[in-house]
Amino acid sequence: MADDNHNKGIDLSGRFNDSGTGVQFQNEWRPAARASSPSTPRVVRWVMENSGGYVKDEKQASYVLLGLAAAAIVVSLWLLLGRGGGPNVPLPRGAKIIYPPGEPPRLEKPLLP
């Protein structure tokens, strides 16, 4: 008797018609989340995950990291080279700076009184 139920065909011809169940589908399209490949570097995946949706693929994440590296280089160069000259220390009254060849500049030794 159980075999009789399995051998009967199932008629689904009217099943997909509007059955009035009240089910409505939203027409909102969402792109499927791209799974990054296992060979993607961790920092690129981190940028993609923590960008708040602004960075959508690996290429954009690479550009973001390149921009951050360039900004870090510019800031470093500005801090190292952009100060403009050495320290501004006032000399004592009557002191003279001498510039011996092959040596750094220094104060002239004062004459003993």
C-alpha atoms as a PDB file:
ATOM      1  CA  MET A   1       0.000   0.000   0.000  1.00  0.00           C
ATOM      2  CA  ALA A   2       2.857   2.372   0.718  1.00  0.00           C
ATOM      3  CA  ASP A   3       4.232   1.602  -2.766  1.00  0.00           C
ATOM      4  CA  ASP A   4       0.982   2.789  -4.371  1.00  0.00           C
ATOM      5  CA  ASN A   5       1.479   6.305  -2.957  1.00  0.00           C
ATOM      6  CA  HIS A   6       5.052   6.508  -4.259  1.00  0.00           C
ATOM      7  CA  ASN A   7       4.189   5.370  -7.740  1.00  0.00           C
ATOM      8  CA  LYS A   8       1.451   7.962  -8.237  1.00  0.00           C
ATOM      9  CA  GLY A   9       2.520  11.034 -10.095  1.00  0.00           C
ATOM     10  CA  ILE A  10       2.206  14.425  -8.451  1.00  0.00           C
ATOM     11  CA  ASP A  11       0.314  17.032 -10.439  1.00  0.00           C
ATOM     12  CA  LEU A  12       1.933  20.470  -9.956  1.00  0.00           C
ATOM     13  CA  SER A  13       0.318  22.128 -12.966  1.00  0.00           C
ATOM     14  CA  GLY A  14      -1.776  24.540 -10.887  1.00  0.00           C
ATOM     15  CA  ARG A  15       0.557  24.840  -7.950  1.00  0.00           C
ATOM     16  CA  PHE A  16       2.428  27.938  -9.090  1.00  0.00           C
ATOM     17  CA  ASN A  17      -0.663  29.994  -9.823  1.00  0.00           C
ATOM     18  CA  ASP A  18      -1.547  32.778  -7.400  1.00  0.00           C
ATOM     19  CA  SER A  19      -3.011  30.808  -4.553  1.00  0.00           C
ATOM     20  CA  GLY A  20      -4.073  33.839  -2.551  1.00  0.00           C
ATOM     21  CA  THR A  21      -1.785  33.047   0.369  1.00  0.00           C
ATOM     22  CA  GLY A  22      -0.902  36.705   0.784  1.00  0.00           C
ATOM     23  CA  VAL A  23       2.806  36.198   0.113  1.00  0.00           C
ATOM     24  CA  GLN A  24       4.313  39.245  -1.555  1.00  0.00           C
ATOM     25  CA  PHE A  25       7.846  39.605  -2.775  1.00  0.00           C
ATOM     26  CA  GLN A  26       9.789  42.815  -2.447  1.00  0.00           C
ATOM     27  CA  ASN A  27      11.251  44.159  -5.656  1.00  0.00           C
ATOM     28  CA  GLU A  28      14.442  45.130  -3.956  1.00  0.00           C
ATOM     29  CA  TRP A  29      17.528  43.933  -5.780  1.00  0.00           C
ATOM     30  CA  ARG A  30      20.662  43.279  -3.776  1.00  0.00           C
ATOM     31  CA  PRO A  31      23.915  42.240  -5.369  1.00  0.00           C
ATOM     32  CA  ALA A  32      25.298  38.986  -4.110  1.00  0.00           C
ATOM     33  CA  ALA A  33      28.175  39.417  -1.708  1.00  0.00           C
ATOM     34  CA  ARG A  34      31.425  38.667  -3.433  1.00  0.00           C
ATOM     35  CA  ALA A  35      33.469  36.145  -1.612  1.00  0.00           C
ATOM     36  CA  SER A  36      37.086  37.158  -1.854  1.00  0.00           C
ATOM     37  CA  SER A  37      39.445  34.479  -2.952  1.00  0.00           C
ATOM     38  CA  PRO A  38      41.625  32.795  -0.333  1.00  0.00           C
ATOM     39  CA  SER A  39      44.689  34.337  -1.978  1.00  0.00           C
ATOM     40  CA  THR A  40      43.461  37.871  -1.170  1.00  0.00           C
ATOM     41  CA  PRO A  41      45.771  39.519   1.357  1.00  0.00           C
ATOM     42  CA  ARG A  42      44.320  40.062   4.818  1.00  0.00           C
ATOM     43  CA  VAL A  43      44.777  43.815   4.771  1.00  0.00           C
ATOM     44  CA  VAL A  44      42.805  44.057   1.505  1.00  0.00           C
ATOM     45  CA  ARG A  45      39.998  41.963   2.997  1.00  0.00           C
ATOM     46  CA  TRP A  46      40.101  44.116   6.150  1.00  0.00           C
ATOM     47  CA  VAL A  47      39.723  47.320   4.110  1.00  0.00           C
ATOM     48  CA  MET A  48      36.809  45.834   2.161  1.00  0.00           C
ATOM     49  CA  GLU A  49      35.028  44.670   5.320  1.00  0.00           C
ATOM     50  CA  ASN A  50      35.566  47.862   7.345  1.00  0.00           C
ATOM     51  CA  SER A  51      34.959  50.492   4.668  1.00  0.00           C
ATOM     52  CA  GLY A  52      31.248  50.760   5.358  1.00  0.00           C
ATOM     53  CA  GLY A  53      30.399  49.642   1.830  1.00  0.00           C
ATOM     54  CA  TYR A  54      32.518  52.244   0.047  1.00  0.00           C
ATOM     55  CA  VAL A  55      35.143  49.733  -1.110  1.00  0.00           C
ATOM     56  CA  LYS A  56      33.450  46.992  -3.090  1.00  0.00           C
ATOM     57  CA  ASP A  57      36.251  44.928  -4.615  1.00  0.00           C
ATOM     58  CA  GLU A  58      39.937  44.094  -4.316  1.00  0.00           C
ATOM     59  CA  LYS A  59      41.025  46.654  -6.903  1.00  0.00           C
ATOM     60  CA  GLN A  60      39.406  49.521  -4.997  1.00  0.00           C
ATOM     61  CA  ALA A  61      40.917  48.276  -1.734  1.00  0.00           C
ATOM     62  CA  SER A  62      44.347  48.257  -3.365  1.00  0.00           C
ATOM     63  CA  TYR A  63      43.864  51.863  -4.479  1.00  0.00           C
ATOM     64  CA  VAL A  64      42.814  52.870  -0.961  1.00  0.00           C
ATOM     65  CA  LEU A  65      45.929  51.249   0.514  1.00  0.00           C
ATOM     66  CA  LEU A  66      48.124  52.899  -2.139  1.00  0.00           C
ATOM     67  CA  GLY A  67      46.635  56.281  -1.257  1.00  0.00           C
ATOM     68  CA  LEU A  68      47.215  55.691   2.457  1.00  0.00           C
ATOM     69  CA  ALA A  69      50.841  54.747   1.793  1.00  0.00           C
ATOM     70  CA  ALA A  70      51.368  57.870  -0.341  1.00  0.00           C
ATOM     71  CA  ALA A  71      49.815  60.060   2.348  1.00  0.00           C
ATOM     72  CA  ALA A  72      52.062  58.475   5.008  1.00  0.00           C
ATOM     73  CA  ILE A  73      55.145  59.171   2.868  1.00  0.00           C
ATOM     74  CA  VAL A  74      54.136  62.805   2.306  1.00  0.00           C
ATOM     75  CA  VAL A  75      53.488  63.379   6.014  1.00  0.00           C
ATOM     76  CA  SER A  76      56.805  61.726   6.930  1.00  0.00           C
ATOM     77  CA  LEU A  77      58.745  63.867   4.462  1.00  0.00           C
ATOM     78  CA  TRP A  78      56.996  67.005   5.704  1.00  0.00           C
ATOM     79  CA  LEU A  79      57.875  66.169   9.298  1.00  0.00           C
ATOM     80  CA  LEU A  80      61.493  65.310   8.504  1.00  0.00           C
ATOM     81  CA  LEU A  81      62.360  67.929   5.902  1.00  0.00           C
ATOM     82  CA  GLY A  82      59.761  70.640   6.184  1.00  0.00           C
ATOM     83  CA  ARG A  83      60.893  72.149   9.448  1.00  0.00           C
ATOM     84  CA  GLY A  84      63.155  74.617   7.644  1.00  0.00           C
ATOM     85  CA  GLY A  85      66.574  74.927   9.237  1.00  0.00           C
ATOM     86  CA  GLY A  86      68.063  73.937  12.512  1.00  0.00           C
ATOM     87  CA  PRO A  87      67.210  74.974  16.016  1.00  0.00           C
ATOM     88  CA  ASN A  88      67.052  78.666  16.764  1.00  0.00           C
ATOM     89  CA  VAL A  89      69.270  79.019  19.842  1.00  0.00           C
ATOM     90  CA  PRO A  90      70.504  82.512  20.718  1.00  0.00           C
ATOM     91  CA  LEU A  91      74.263  82.867  21.139  1.00  0.00           C
ATOM     92  CA  PRO A  92      75.742  84.275  24.290  1.00  0.00           C
ATOM     93  CA  ARG A  93      77.017  87.839  24.060  1.00  0.00           C
ATOM     94  CA  GLY A  94      80.429  88.038  22.401  1.00  0.00           C
ATOM     95  CA  ALA A  95      80.440  84.432  21.141  1.00  0.00           C
ATOM     96  CA  LYS A  96      81.590  83.597  17.633  1.00  0.00           C
ATOM     97  CA  ILE A  97      80.872  80.559  15.478  1.00  0.00           C
ATOM     98  CA  ILE A  98      83.821  79.080  13.615  1.00  0.00           C
ATOM     99  CA  TYR A  99      83.550  76.783  10.606  1.00  0.00           C
ATOM    100  CA  PRO A 100      86.682  74.611  10.457  1.00  0.00           C
ATOM    101  CA  PRO A 101      87.042  72.599   7.219  1.00  0.00           C
ATOM    102  CA  GLY A 102      85.939  68.971   7.556  1.00  0.00           C
ATOM    103  CA  GLU A 103      84.391  69.551  10.974  1.00  0.00           C
ATOM    104  CA  PRO A 104      81.026  70.699  12.204  1.00  0.00           C
ATOM    105  CA  PRO A 105      80.567  74.355  13.136  1.00  0.00           C
ATOM    106  CA  ARG A 106      81.190  75.224  16.771  1.00  0.00           C
ATOM    107  CA  LEU A 107      81.669  78.087  19.128  1.00  0.00           C
ATOM    108  CA  GLU A 108      85.098  79.656  19.276  1.00  0.00           C
ATOM    109  CA  LYS A 109      86.809  78.900  22.542  1.00  0.00           C
ATOM    110  CA  PRO A 110      86.637  81.977  24.743  1.00  0.00           C
ATOM    111  CA  LEU A 111      89.902  83.463  25.861  1.00  0.00           C
ATOM    112  CA  LEU A 112      90.553  83.063  29.529  1.00  0.00           C
ATOM    113  CA  PRO A 113      90.760  86.413  31.419  1.00  0.00           C
END
